[in-house]
Protein backbone atom coordinates (compact mmCIF):
# COMPACT_ATOMS: atom_id res chain seq x y z
CA MET A 1 0.00 0.00 0.00
CA PHE A 2 2.85 2.40 0.79
CA SER A 3 4.47 1.72 -2.60
CA LEU A 4 1.17 2.46 -4.30
CA PHE A 5 0.89 5.68 -2.29
CA ILE A 6 4.31 6.85 -3.50
CA LEU A 7 3.57 5.96 -7.11
CA LEU A 8 0.21 7.74 -7.04
CA LEU A 9 1.84 10.74 -5.39
CA GLN A 10 4.13 11.01 -8.41
CA ARG A 11 1.11 10.86 -10.74
CA LEU A 12 -0.63 13.49 -8.66
CA GLY A 13 2.40 15.75 -9.09
CA ILE A 14 2.07 15.48 -12.86
CA ILE A 15 -1.59 16.52 -12.75
CA LEU A 16 -0.92 19.41 -10.40
CA VAL A 17 1.92 20.72 -12.55
CA LEU A 18 -0.41 20.60 -15.55
CA ALA A 19 -3.06 22.37 -13.44
CA PHE A 20 -0.64 25.15 -12.56
CA LEU A 21 0.29 25.62 -16.21
CA LEU A 22 -3.36 25.54 -17.24
CA VAL A 23 -4.44 28.20 -14.76
CA ASN A 24 -1.73 30.54 -16.07
CA VAL A 25 -3.16 30.37 -19.59
CA SER A 26 -5.44 33.36 -20.22
CA PHE A 27 -7.56 31.31 -22.67
CA PHE A 28 -8.51 28.90 -19.86
CA ARG A 29 -9.35 31.73 -17.45
CA LYS A 30 -11.62 33.30 -20.05
CA LEU A 31 -13.37 29.96 -20.54
CA ILE A 32 -14.23 29.47 -16.89
CA ALA A 33 -15.66 33.01 -16.74
CA GLN A 34 -18.03 32.31 -19.64
CA LYS A 35 -21.31 30.38 -19.57
CA SER A 36 -21.68 29.72 -23.28
CA LEU A 37 -22.00 26.40 -25.09
CA LYS A 38 -18.71 27.00 -26.89
CA ALA A 39 -16.91 27.52 -23.56
CA GLY A 40 -18.49 24.34 -22.18
CA ILE A 41 -17.30 22.30 -25.16
CA ALA A 42 -13.79 23.71 -24.79
CA LEU A 43 -13.72 22.80 -21.06
CA ILE A 44 -14.93 19.29 -21.88
CA ALA A 45 -12.11 18.89 -24.40
CA ILE A 46 -9.46 20.16 -21.94
CA PHE A 47 -10.54 18.01 -19.01
CA THR A 48 -11.09 14.96 -21.20
CA ILE A 49 -7.44 15.22 -22.27
CA PHE A 50 -6.51 15.40 -18.57
CA THR A 51 -8.53 12.26 -17.77
CA ILE A 52 -6.85 10.39 -20.60
CA ILE A 53 -3.44 11.49 -19.28
CA SER A 54 -4.52 10.22 -15.83
CA ASN A 55 -5.51 6.85 -17.31
CA LEU A 56 -2.30 6.54 -19.31
CA THR A 57 -0.04 7.43 -16.35
CA GLY A 58 -1.85 5.15 -13.88
CA VAL A 59 -0.33 2.29 -11.91
CA GLU A 60 -1.24 -1.18 -13.19
CA ILE A 61 -2.40 -3.69 -10.55
CA THR A 62 -2.29 -7.34 -11.56
CA ARG A 63 -4.70 -10.09 -10.59
CA ASN A 64 -2.52 -11.07 -7.60
CA ASN A 65 -2.37 -7.40 -6.44
CA SER A 66 1.20 -6.75 -7.51
CA LEU A 67 2.17 -3.36 -8.98
CA VAL A 68 3.45 -2.90 -12.52
CA GLN A 69 5.16 0.35 -13.51
CA ALA A 70 5.14 1.51 -17.12
CA PRO A 71 5.62 4.96 -18.71
CA PHE A 72 2.21 4.78 -20.39
CA LEU A 73 -0.55 2.20 -20.01
CA THR A 74 -1.96 2.15 -23.52
CA GLY A 75 -3.60 -1.20 -22.83
CA LEU A 76 -3.82 -3.87 -20.14
CA PRO A 77 -5.30 -7.32 -19.71
CA GLN A 78 -8.95 -7.56 -18.77
CA SER A 79 -8.00 -9.18 -15.50
CA ASP A 80 -5.85 -6.24 -14.34
CA SER A 81 -6.88 -2.91 -12.81
CA ILE A 82 -5.47 0.65 -12.67
CA ALA A 83 -4.95 3.05 -9.78
CA ASN A 84 -4.95 6.58 -11.19
CA THR A 85 -6.02 10.22 -10.74
CA ARG A 86 -8.95 10.09 -13.19
CA THR A 87 -11.55 10.70 -10.47
CA LEU A 88 -9.61 13.79 -9.34
CA VAL A 89 -9.81 15.32 -12.82
CA ILE A 90 -13.50 14.46 -13.26
CA THR A 91 -14.30 16.00 -9.87
CA VAL A 92 -12.45 19.21 -10.77
CA ALA A 93 -14.24 19.30 -14.14
CA GLY A 94 -17.58 19.17 -12.32
CA ILE A 95 -16.55 21.87 -9.84
CA ILE A 96 -15.30 24.25 -12.53
CA GLY A 97 -17.62 23.49 -15.44
CA GLY A 98 -20.79 22.41 -13.66
CA PRO A 99 -22.78 19.16 -13.76
CA LEU A 100 -23.04 18.99 -17.55
CA VAL A 101 -19.31 19.40 -18.16
CA GLY A 102 -18.52 17.04 -15.26
CA SER A 103 -20.91 14.38 -16.56
CA VAL A 104 -19.59 14.49 -20.13
CA VAL A 105 -15.96 14.44 -19.00
CA GLY A 106 -16.78 11.53 -16.66
CA PHE A 107 -18.48 9.62 -19.46
CA LEU A 108 -15.58 10.14 -21.88
CA GLY A 109 -12.99 9.37 -19.20
CA GLY A 110 -14.83 6.18 -18.25
CA LEU A 111 -15.17 5.21 -21.90
CA HIS A 112 -11.43 5.60 -22.41
CA ARG A 113 -10.81 3.44 -19.33
CA VAL A 114 -13.02 0.72 -20.82
CA ILE A 115 -11.15 0.87 -24.15
CA GLN A 116 -7.83 0.89 -22.29
CA GLY A 117 -8.87 -2.30 -20.43
CA ASN A 118 -9.66 -4.12 -23.66
CA PHE A 119 -13.37 -3.40 -23.28
CA SER A 120 -13.78 -4.65 -19.76
CA ASP A 121 -15.15 -3.07 -16.59
CA TYR A 122 -17.98 -1.15 -18.25
CA PHE A 123 -19.11 0.08 -14.84
CA TYR A 124 -16.41 2.79 -15.04
CA ILE A 125 -18.55 4.64 -17.59
CA VAL A 126 -21.47 4.83 -15.18
CA SER A 127 -19.39 5.53 -12.07
CA SER A 128 -17.30 8.25 -13.72
CA THR A 129 -20.37 9.94 -15.17
CA LEU A 130 -22.03 9.87 -11.74
CA VAL A 131 -18.90 11.35 -10.12
CA GLY A 132 -18.93 14.28 -12.58
CA LEU A 133 -22.65 14.88 -12.13
CA VAL A 134 -22.60 14.81 -8.32
CA SER A 135 -19.47 16.97 -8.13
CA GLY A 136 -20.99 19.57 -10.44
CA LEU A 137 -24.31 19.72 -8.58
CA LEU A 138 -22.74 20.02 -5.14
CA ALA A 139 -20.13 22.56 -6.27
CA LYS A 140 -22.84 24.71 -7.83
CA LYS A 141 -24.48 25.05 -4.39
CA LEU A 142 -21.17 25.69 -2.64
CA LYS A 143 -19.80 28.22 -5.12
CA HIS A 144 -19.71 31.82 -3.86
CA ASN A 145 -19.64 34.62 -6.46
CA THR A 146 -16.47 34.12 -8.53
CA SER A 147 -14.75 31.86 -5.96
CA TYR A 148 -14.92 28.09 -6.04
CA PRO A 149 -15.42 25.97 -2.89
CA SER A 150 -12.88 26.37 -0.09
CA PRO A 151 -9.95 23.94 0.20
CA GLY A 152 -11.77 21.99 2.91
CA MET A 153 -15.00 21.71 0.91
CA SER A 154 -13.04 20.80 -2.23
CA ALA A 155 -11.29 18.02 -0.31
CA ALA A 156 -14.69 16.80 0.93
CA LEU A 157 -16.00 16.71 -2.64
CA GLY A 158 -12.90 14.76 -3.69
CA LEU A 159 -13.40 12.30 -0.84
CA LEU A 160 -17.07 11.82 -1.76
CA ALA A 161 -16.27 11.35 -5.43
CA GLU A 162 -13.58 8.73 -4.75
CA SER A 163 -15.88 6.98 -2.27
CA LEU A 164 -18.53 6.62 -5.00
CA GLN A 165 -15.90 5.16 -7.26
CA MET A 166 -14.83 2.70 -4.56
CA ILE A 167 -18.40 1.50 -4.11
CA PHE A 168 -18.60 0.58 -7.78
CA ILE A 169 -15.17 -1.06 -7.71
CA GLY A 170 -16.13 -3.09 -4.61
CA ILE A 171 -19.34 -4.28 -6.26
CA PHE A 172 -17.87 -5.22 -9.64
CA SER A 173 -14.17 -5.97 -8.93
CA GLY A 174 -14.20 -7.25 -5.36
CA LEU A 175 -13.27 -5.99 -1.92
CA ALA A 176 -9.67 -7.21 -2.12
CA LEU A 177 -8.85 -4.56 -4.71
CA VAL A 178 -10.70 -1.91 -2.70
CA LYS A 179 -8.67 -2.73 0.44
CA LEU A 180 -5.45 -2.25 -1.51
CA ILE A 181 -6.26 1.08 -3.17
CA ILE A 182 -8.90 2.81 -1.02
CA ILE A 183 -6.63 4.67 1.41
CA PRO A 184 -4.01 6.02 -1.03
CA MET A 185 -6.58 6.89 -3.72
CA ILE A 186 -9.08 8.60 -1.41
CA LEU A 187 -6.34 10.45 0.44
CA LEU A 188 -4.38 11.62 -2.62
CA ASN A 189 -7.36 12.38 -4.86
CA SER A 190 -9.12 14.44 -2.19
CA ILE A 191 -5.87 16.34 -1.49
CA GLY A 192 -5.36 16.74 -5.23
CA VAL A 193 -8.84 18.23 -5.74
CA SER A 194 -8.23 20.63 -2.85
CA VAL A 195 -4.83 21.73 -4.20
CA PHE A 196 -6.11 22.09 -7.79
CA ILE A 197 -9.04 24.32 -6.73
CA SER A 198 -6.79 26.25 -4.30
CA ILE A 199 -4.39 27.05 -7.15
CA LEU A 200 -7.31 28.31 -9.22
CA ASN A 201 -8.83 30.35 -6.37
CA ALA A 202 -5.47 31.88 -5.50
CA TYR A 203 -4.85 32.96 -9.07
CA LEU A 204 -8.35 34.40 -9.47
CA SER A 205 -8.03 36.23 -6.15
CA ASN A 206 -4.68 37.72 -7.14
CA GLU A 207 -6.11 38.69 -10.50
CA GLN A 208 -9.02 40.49 -8.82
CA GLN A 209 -6.64 42.31 -6.47
CA LEU A 210 -4.44 43.32 -9.40
CA LYS A 211 -7.47 44.61 -11.28
CA ALA A 212 -8.55 46.57 -8.22
CA VAL A 213 -5.10 48.16 -7.93
CA GLN A 214 -5.01 48.94 -11.65
CA THR A 215 -8.51 50.40 -11.51
CA HIS A 216 -7.50 52.59 -8.57
CA ASP A 217 -4.43 53.82 -10.46
CA VAL A 218 -6.43 54.46 -13.62
CA LEU A 219 -9.06 56.41 -11.67
CA ASN A 220 -6.34 58.52 -10.07
CA LEU A 221 -4.71 59.03 -13.44
CA THR A 222 -7.93 60.09 -15.17
CA ASN A 223 -8.90 62.31 -12.26
CA ARG A 224 -5.57 64.14 -12.49
CA THR A 225 -5.63 64.48 -16.28
CA LEU A 226 -9.23 65.71 -16.44
CA PRO A 227 -8.49 69.38 -15.65
CA TYR A 228 -5.90 69.51 -18.45
CA PHE A 229 -7.87 67.70 -21.16
CA ARG A 230 -10.89 69.87 -20.37
CA GLN A 231 -8.74 72.80 -21.53
CA GLY A 232 -8.59 71.23 -24.99
CA LEU A 233 -5.73 69.72 -26.94
CA ASN A 234 -2.80 72.13 -26.74
CA ILE A 235 0.89 72.04 -25.84
CA ASN A 236 0.40 72.93 -22.18
CA SER A 237 -2.41 70.45 -21.48
CA ALA A 238 -0.65 67.69 -23.44
CA GLN A 239 2.64 68.20 -21.57
CA GLN A 240 0.96 68.01 -18.18
CA ALA A 241 -1.11 64.97 -19.18
CA CYS A 242 1.92 63.07 -20.52
CA ARG A 243 3.82 63.58 -17.28
CA ILE A 244 0.87 62.23 -15.28
CA ILE A 245 0.38 59.23 -17.59
CA ARG A 246 4.05 58.29 -17.35
CA GLN A 247 3.95 58.63 -13.56
CA TYR A 248 1.08 56.13 -13.26
CA THR A 249 2.19 53.61 -15.91
CA ASN A 250 5.29 51.60 -16.84
CA PHE A 251 5.79 53.11 -20.27
CA ASP A 252 9.24 54.49 -21.09
CA ALA A 253 7.78 57.37 -23.10
CA VAL A 254 4.39 58.95 -23.64
CA GLY A 255 3.42 61.37 -26.38
CA ILE A 256 0.37 63.25 -27.62
CA THR A 257 -0.10 64.85 -31.03
CA ASP A 258 -2.73 66.82 -32.85
CA ARG A 259 -3.34 66.02 -36.51
CA VAL A 260 -0.09 67.66 -37.63
CA ASN A 261 2.34 68.38 -34.80
CA VAL A 262 3.75 66.77 -31.69
CA LEU A 263 2.18 68.50 -28.69
CA ALA A 264 4.15 66.65 -26.02
CA HIS A 265 6.66 63.81 -25.65
CA VAL A 266 7.90 62.81 -22.21
CA GLY A 267 10.56 60.14 -21.63
CA ALA A 268 12.86 58.25 -23.98
CA GLY A 269 13.34 59.96 -27.32
CA GLU A 270 12.30 63.41 -26.10
CA ASP A 271 15.53 64.83 -27.55
CA HIS A 272 14.13 64.54 -31.09
CA HIS A 273 10.35 64.11 -30.63
CA LEU A 274 9.91 67.80 -29.88
CA ALA A 275 6.72 69.69 -29.02
CA GLY A 276 5.64 72.03 -31.79
CA GLN A 277 7.38 70.08 -34.54
CA ALA A 278 5.78 67.87 -37.16
CA VAL A 279 4.92 64.26 -36.34
CA LEU A 280 7.96 62.12 -37.22
CA THR A 281 6.90 58.47 -37.11
CA ASP A 282 5.10 56.69 -39.94
CA LEU A 283 3.09 54.79 -37.35
CA SER A 284 1.57 57.95 -35.87
CA LYS A 285 0.84 59.40 -39.29
CA HIS A 286 -1.05 56.24 -40.26
CA VAL A 287 -3.12 56.28 -37.05
CA ILE A 288 -4.06 59.96 -37.48
CA ALA A 289 -5.01 59.43 -41.12
CA SER A 290 -6.98 56.19 -40.60
CA GLY A 291 -8.42 56.73 -37.12
CA THR A 292 -7.53 53.17 -36.12
CA ALA A 293 -5.16 51.91 -33.41
CA ARG A 294 -1.80 50.43 -34.35
CA PHE A 295 0.74 48.37 -32.40
CA ALA A 296 4.43 48.14 -33.22
CA TYR A 297 6.42 45.20 -31.82
CA HIS A 298 9.70 46.09 -33.51
CA GLN A 299 11.60 49.33 -33.95
CA ALA A 300 11.27 49.19 -37.71
CA GLU A 301 7.47 49.22 -37.45
CA ILE A 302 7.54 52.56 -35.61
CA GLY A 303 9.21 54.24 -38.56
CA CYS A 304 11.13 56.98 -36.74
CA PRO A 305 13.62 58.58 -39.19
CA HIS A 306 15.97 59.70 -36.40
CA ALA A 307 19.10 57.54 -36.18
CA GLY A 308 19.60 55.98 -32.78
CA CYS A 309 15.99 56.43 -31.61
CA PRO A 310 15.64 54.25 -28.47
CA LEU A 311 11.95 53.46 -28.98
CA ALA A 312 11.58 49.73 -29.71
CA SER A 313 7.82 49.06 -29.43
CA ALA A 314 4.77 51.29 -29.44
CA ILE A 315 1.05 51.64 -28.98
CA VAL A 316 -0.51 54.49 -30.94
CA LEU A 317 -4.22 55.19 -30.59
CA PRO A 318 -6.44 57.87 -32.12
CA LEU A 319 -8.06 60.53 -29.95
CA ILE A 320 -11.58 60.77 -31.33
CA VAL A 321 -14.11 63.50 -30.57
CA ASN A 322 -17.49 63.62 -32.31
CA ASP A 323 -16.39 60.82 -34.66
CA LYS A 324 -13.38 62.82 -35.83
CA THR A 325 -9.72 62.05 -35.13
CA ILE A 326 -8.21 65.15 -33.55
CA GLY A 327 -4.85 63.65 -32.57
CA ALA A 328 -3.08 60.57 -31.22
CA LEU A 329 -1.98 59.11 -27.89
CA LYS A 330 1.40 57.36 -28.14
CA MET A 331 3.02 55.03 -25.60
CA TYR A 332 6.46 53.52 -26.06
CA PHE A 333 8.84 50.94 -24.60
CA THR A 334 12.59 50.84 -25.14
CA LYS A 335 12.47 47.02 -25.05
CA ALA A 336 10.13 45.37 -27.51
CA GLU A 337 9.32 42.36 -25.30
CA ARG A 338 7.75 44.59 -22.63
CA LEU A 339 4.75 45.30 -24.86
CA THR A 340 2.04 42.80 -23.83
CA SER A 341 -1.73 42.51 -24.08
CA VAL A 342 -2.03 44.09 -20.61
CA GLU A 343 -0.43 47.31 -21.83
CA GLU A 344 -2.48 47.22 -25.02
CA ASN A 345 -5.76 46.95 -23.11
CA LEU A 346 -4.68 49.68 -20.68
CA ALA A 347 -3.71 52.05 -23.49
CA GLN A 348 -6.98 51.48 -25.36
CA GLY A 349 -8.96 52.23 -22.22
CA LEU A 350 -6.98 55.40 -21.55
CA ALA A 351 -7.41 56.62 -25.12
CA SER A 352 -11.17 56.17 -24.81
CA ILE A 353 -11.25 58.03 -21.47
CA PHE A 354 -9.06 60.87 -22.75
CA SER A 355 -11.22 61.23 -25.85
CA SER A 356 -14.25 61.59 -23.58
CA GLN A 357 -12.44 64.17 -21.46
CA LEU A 358 -11.54 66.18 -24.55
CA ALA A 359 -15.15 65.92 -25.75
CA LEU A 360 -16.29 67.18 -22.36
CA GLY A 361 -13.93 70.14 -22.61
CA MET A 362 -15.17 70.98 -26.09
CA ALA A 363 -18.79 70.66 -24.93
CA GLU A 364 -18.11 73.03 -22.03
CA GLU A 365 -16.46 75.48 -24.38
CA GLN A 366 -19.45 75.34 -26.72
CA SER A 367 -21.76 75.77 -23.74
CA LYS A 368 -19.80 78.85 -22.66
CA LEU A 369 -19.99 80.27 -26.17
CA ALA A 370 -23.72 79.57 -26.21
CA SER A 371 -24.07 81.26 -22.83
CA ASP A 372 -22.22 84.32 -24.11
CA ALA A 373 -24.54 84.39 -27.09
CA GLU A 374 -27.45 84.15 -24.66
CA ILE A 375 -26.19 87.24 -22.83
CA LYS A 376 -25.86 89.12 -26.09
CA SER A 377 -29.39 88.12 -27.00
CA LEU A 378 -30.51 89.31 -23.58
CA GLN A 379 -28.62 92.56 -24.01
CA ALA A 380 -30.15 93.13 -27.42
CA GLN A 381 -33.56 92.72 -25.81
CA ILE A 382 -32.76 95.26 -23.10
CA ASN A 383 -31.34 98.10 -25.18
CA PRO A 384 -33.76 99.11 -27.95
CA HIS A 385 -36.94 99.91 -26.01
CA PHE A 386 -34.93 101.85 -23.41
CA PHE A 387 -32.39 103.72 -25.51
CA PHE A 388 -34.73 105.99 -27.45
CA ASN A 389 -36.74 106.97 -24.41
CA ALA A 390 -33.53 107.97 -22.59
CA ILE A 391 -32.28 110.05 -25.54
CA ASN A 392 -35.62 111.81 -25.87
CA THR A 393 -35.56 112.61 -22.15
CA VAL A 394 -32.07 114.09 -22.38
CA SER A 395 -33.09 116.15 -25.44
CA ALA A 396 -36.05 117.58 -23.56
CA LEU A 397 -33.96 118.40 -20.49
CA MET A 398 -31.39 120.28 -22.53
CA ARG A 399 -34.01 122.98 -23.15
CA THR A 400 -34.98 123.35 -19.50
CA ASN A 401 -32.21 122.02 -17.21
CA VAL A 402 -28.74 121.52 -18.66
CA ASP A 403 -27.24 120.16 -15.43
CA GLN A 404 -29.93 117.54 -15.12
CA ALA A 405 -29.43 116.63 -18.79
CA ARG A 406 -25.71 116.25 -18.12
CA THR A 407 -26.43 113.96 -15.13
CA ALA A 408 -28.83 111.90 -17.24
CA LEU A 409 -26.19 111.48 -19.95
CA LEU A 410 -23.67 110.29 -17.35
CA GLN A 411 -26.20 107.75 -16.02
CA LEU A 412 -26.90 106.60 -19.56
CA SER A 413 -23.16 106.17 -20.09
CA THR A 414 -22.88 104.17 -16.86
CA PHE A 415 -25.82 102.00 -17.88
CA PHE A 416 -24.38 101.05 -21.25
CA ARG A 417 -20.87 100.57 -19.90
CA SER A 418 -22.26 98.09 -17.37
CA SER A 419 -24.24 96.41 -20.14
CA LEU A 420 -21.19 95.99 -22.34
CA GLN A 421 -19.14 94.56 -19.46
CA GLY A 422 -21.91 92.09 -18.71
CA VAL A 423 -21.82 90.78 -22.27
CA THR A 424 -18.28 89.42 -21.80
CA GLU A 425 -18.75 87.91 -18.32
CA THR A 426 -20.70 84.97 -16.99
CA GLN A 427 -20.70 86.40 -13.45
CA ILE A 428 -20.08 89.87 -12.05
CA PRO A 429 -19.91 91.34 -8.50
CA LEU A 430 -23.25 92.18 -6.88
CA LYS A 431 -21.97 95.73 -6.44
CA GLN A 432 -21.62 96.12 -10.21
CA GLU A 433 -25.09 94.74 -10.88
CA LYS A 434 -26.54 97.13 -8.30
CA GLU A 435 -24.85 100.09 -10.06
CA HIS A 436 -26.45 98.90 -13.29
CA VAL A 437 -29.88 98.99 -11.64
CA ASN A 438 -29.20 102.40 -10.10
CA SER A 439 -28.25 103.94 -13.45
CA TYR A 440 -31.36 102.47 -15.05
CA MET A 441 -33.68 103.71 -12.30
CA SER A 442 -32.02 107.13 -12.28
CA LEU A 443 -32.96 107.56 -15.92
CA GLU A 444 -36.51 106.37 -15.27
CA GLN A 445 -36.82 108.73 -12.33
CA THR A 446 -35.65 111.56 -14.57
CA ARG A 447 -38.49 110.77 -16.97
CA PHE A 448 -41.07 110.23 -14.24
CA PRO A 449 -40.06 112.06 -11.05
CA ASP A 450 -41.30 110.49 -7.82
CA LYS A 451 -43.11 107.70 -9.65
CA TYR A 452 -40.93 104.85 -8.32
CA THR A 453 -39.40 103.97 -4.98
CA VAL A 454 -36.63 101.38 -4.95
CA ILE A 455 -35.87 99.74 -1.60
CA TYR A 456 -32.74 97.64 -1.06
CA ALA A 457 -32.49 94.92 1.61
CA ILE A 458 -29.06 93.44 0.97
CA ASP A 459 -27.47 91.01 3.39
CA ALA A 460 -24.58 89.78 1.25
CA ALA A 461 -21.04 90.84 0.47
CA PRO A 462 -20.73 93.40 -2.37
CA GLU A 463 -18.20 91.09 -4.08
CA VAL A 464 -20.52 88.07 -4.19
CA GLN A 465 -20.85 86.87 -7.79
CA VAL A 466 -24.18 87.02 -9.63
CA PRO A 467 -25.14 86.64 -13.31
CA PRO A 468 -25.18 89.88 -15.32
CA PHE A 469 -28.65 91.50 -15.70
CA CYS A 470 -30.26 89.28 -13.05
CA LEU A 471 -31.48 92.36 -11.11
CA GLN A 472 -31.78 94.84 -13.97
CA VAL A 473 -34.11 92.64 -16.05
CA LEU A 474 -36.42 91.99 -13.11
CA VAL A 475 -36.51 95.66 -12.08
CA GLU A 476 -37.17 96.74 -15.65
CA ASN A 477 -39.94 94.14 -15.88
CA SER A 478 -41.64 95.77 -12.89
CA VAL A 479 -41.18 99.27 -14.29
CA ARG A 480 -42.65 98.36 -17.66
CA HIS A 481 -45.56 96.16 -16.60
CA ALA A 482 -46.47 96.49 -12.92
CA PHE A 483 -47.68 100.11 -12.73
CA PRO A 484 -49.49 101.00 -15.96
CA ASN A 485 -51.72 103.79 -14.60
CA ARG A 486 -50.23 104.77 -11.22
CA ARG A 487 -48.06 107.84 -10.89
CA LYS A 488 -47.18 107.47 -7.21
CA GLY A 489 -46.74 104.82 -4.54
CA ASN A 490 -45.00 102.35 -6.88
CA ILE A 491 -42.56 100.33 -4.80
CA ILE A 492 -39.91 97.93 -6.00
CA LYS A 493 -38.06 96.03 -3.27
CA ILE A 494 -34.79 94.24 -3.99
CA THR A 495 -33.76 91.64 -1.40
CA VAL A 496 -30.43 89.79 -1.54
CA LYS A 497 -29.63 87.40 1.29
CA GLN A 498 -26.67 85.07 1.65
CA HIS A 499 -27.57 81.66 3.13
CA PRO A 500 -25.11 78.82 3.97
CA THR A 501 -25.89 76.93 0.79
CA ALA A 502 -27.21 79.57 -1.61
CA LEU A 503 -27.70 83.22 -2.43
CA ASN A 504 -31.35 84.27 -2.61
CA ILE A 505 -32.37 87.18 -4.83
CA ILE A 506 -35.93 88.51 -4.65
CA VAL A 507 -37.43 91.40 -6.63
CA ALA A 508 -40.95 92.29 -5.50
CA ASP A 509 -43.36 95.05 -6.52
CA ASN A 510 -46.77 96.24 -5.37
CA GLY A 511 -48.13 96.44 -8.89
CA ILE A 512 -51.28 95.05 -10.50
CA GLY A 513 -49.94 91.50 -10.80
CA ILE A 514 -49.79 89.13 -13.76
CA LYS A 515 -52.76 87.49 -15.42
CA LYS A 516 -53.16 83.85 -14.42
CA GLU A 517 -53.20 82.62 -18.02
CA LEU A 518 -49.75 84.22 -18.57
CA LEU A 519 -48.13 83.34 -15.24
CA ALA A 520 -47.28 79.69 -16.02
CA ARG A 521 -45.75 80.63 -19.38
CA LEU A 522 -43.78 83.65 -18.23
CA GLY A 523 -40.05 82.97 -18.23
CA GLN A 524 -40.56 79.73 -20.17
CA GLU A 525 -41.40 81.01 -23.64
CA THR A 526 -42.08 84.07 -25.74
CA ILE A 527 -45.59 85.39 -25.13
CA THR A 528 -47.80 87.34 -27.49
CA SER A 529 -49.10 90.26 -25.43
CA SER A 530 -50.05 93.89 -25.90
CA THR A 531 -47.54 94.94 -23.21
CA GLY A 532 -44.54 92.82 -24.25
CA THR A 533 -43.25 89.39 -25.28
CA GLY A 534 -41.51 88.17 -22.10
CA THR A 535 -38.37 87.40 -24.12
CA ALA A 536 -36.03 89.07 -21.62
CA LEU A 537 -37.37 86.94 -18.75
CA ALA A 538 -37.23 83.77 -20.87
CA ASN A 539 -33.61 84.48 -21.84
CA LEU A 540 -32.66 85.20 -18.23
CA ASN A 541 -34.34 81.99 -17.07
CA ARG A 542 -32.46 79.88 -19.63
CA ARG A 543 -29.26 81.63 -18.64
CA LEU A 544 -29.73 80.80 -14.95
CA ILE A 545 -30.52 77.15 -15.66
CA GLY A 546 -27.49 76.87 -17.94
CA LEU A 547 -25.18 78.26 -15.28
CA TYR A 548 -26.51 76.69 -12.09
CA GLY A 549 -29.04 73.99 -12.95
CA ASN A 550 -32.82 73.72 -12.76
CA GLU A 551 -32.95 74.72 -9.10
CA SER A 552 -32.03 78.30 -10.13
CA HIS A 553 -34.99 78.87 -12.45
CA LEU A 554 -37.15 81.96 -12.00
CA GLN A 555 -39.79 81.43 -9.30
CA ILE A 556 -42.67 83.78 -10.03
CA LYS A 557 -45.61 84.46 -7.72
CA SER A 558 -48.23 87.06 -8.50
CA SER A 559 -51.56 88.38 -7.25
CA ALA A 560 -53.55 91.57 -7.32
CA ALA A 561 -51.27 92.85 -4.56
CA GLY A 562 -48.12 92.58 -6.68
CA THR A 563 -45.50 90.24 -8.13
CA THR A 564 -42.50 88.52 -6.55
CA ILE A 565 -39.73 86.89 -8.57
CA LYS A 566 -37.10 84.81 -6.80
CA ILE A 567 -33.71 83.46 -7.94
CA VAL A 568 -31.70 80.91 -5.97
CA ILE A 569 -27.97 80.79 -6.80
CA PRO A 570 -26.22 77.80 -5.17
CA ASN A 571 -22.82 78.31 -3.57
CA LEU A 572 -20.33 76.76 -5.99
């Protein structure tokens, strides 16, 4: 029995070495992660080969229970038996591939054993199939997420599987054979199953940890490059991004180009791959022209015309925004063998992320341009109906009160200067916006003395930032629409209060209010009305939402006692 134990231990070593090699093959790891029919067939083929190897490397046991050693047992007399690791392999097949894979592998392994024994001992087909089925069913219940059963549970499955096999052997081949082989085979096969599954679990666990570390590094990398790529593709942003990419990866050099010139090159070869100069390598030119990724595994494939260039392998990927190639991301090694599929996958992922970051930057730039256009549209709405009235007022005053006319002209100048400044800014100090309102109201008061009273209730710093025209438009709206037939007692109150999370702006009047049928539409769309179109309010509302989000939309309440319009600007 001890001799048999030693011989089987040697056979077990062969299987475990093969298991270690198998687990390190990426093709096998992809198979066990899939649940497709094709993957199942491939697993059946792999484990069937293992069972055949187990049968061929088994230990022959003669009729009188003596051991016969041979390199390969291609055939044996019907009277002889084999002690081998077949059950171990079938059990592992069931654990990894499930009951179907385990059953088929068991059937094929048992069939080969029958053929090997000159078509004797047909019970091995049934027993091996049953071992694969039971192992697969039990493992399916014990499996947790991506991990297979623990070493202890795997050993228990191996012990159960070998015990089933022993029952069949005892029934059909006699108890004498069972007494000889039961201890070494149950012990070694259960240990073998445990070790095989432990190797697999350890590799998968390490792979998950490595992916977690890589994901963490990639997230840090993309987080640090985002501010630069949002600036667009230029020499400064490319230089900063290349330094960050090289810091977080193992590449010997990193470069970024636009469609014509090198924008940045950090690392090996930076003495001749210079920022601002034309793209040198044929590889990069091809990628920019075709918009498809290219990999170079030899220096000649890179196509750098500079003699003595140290770059030996490369990954060059297009940077694509809105389906157009705007440049290329280039990553190099100085030793060709260092370029593997891991680096290729990493580079492709980074190129996709950087393209998205560049697209985000371009979208923000377009949004800013659109916002500026919105302000200009708003400004165009403000000026015409006010300008001619102010000029007519000044003309009339020049006949009666030159000093007052001069003051009115200065206020008009202040008003338009503030308007022009607002066109170029997305936010201005509250103090500046208040001056804008004051100049506007001064001109209105010149036209209609004592008609309006403006009350300020400001509890916020003068430097706090607000959108241009946010007060002026609302005040003008009250002046134009709230007091159609009242010459006195017209009050406009402007309240600005700083809260911990937001700045609240409220403009209220004691006018006639807004008709109910217009209230829901005001600020949302252009309105056909005898007193105006509401375009200025609609433009301002869109402007606020574009800058701060939906929570900053105009909140309008109105009744016969007056109208209140509120703006909430979140603290950014």
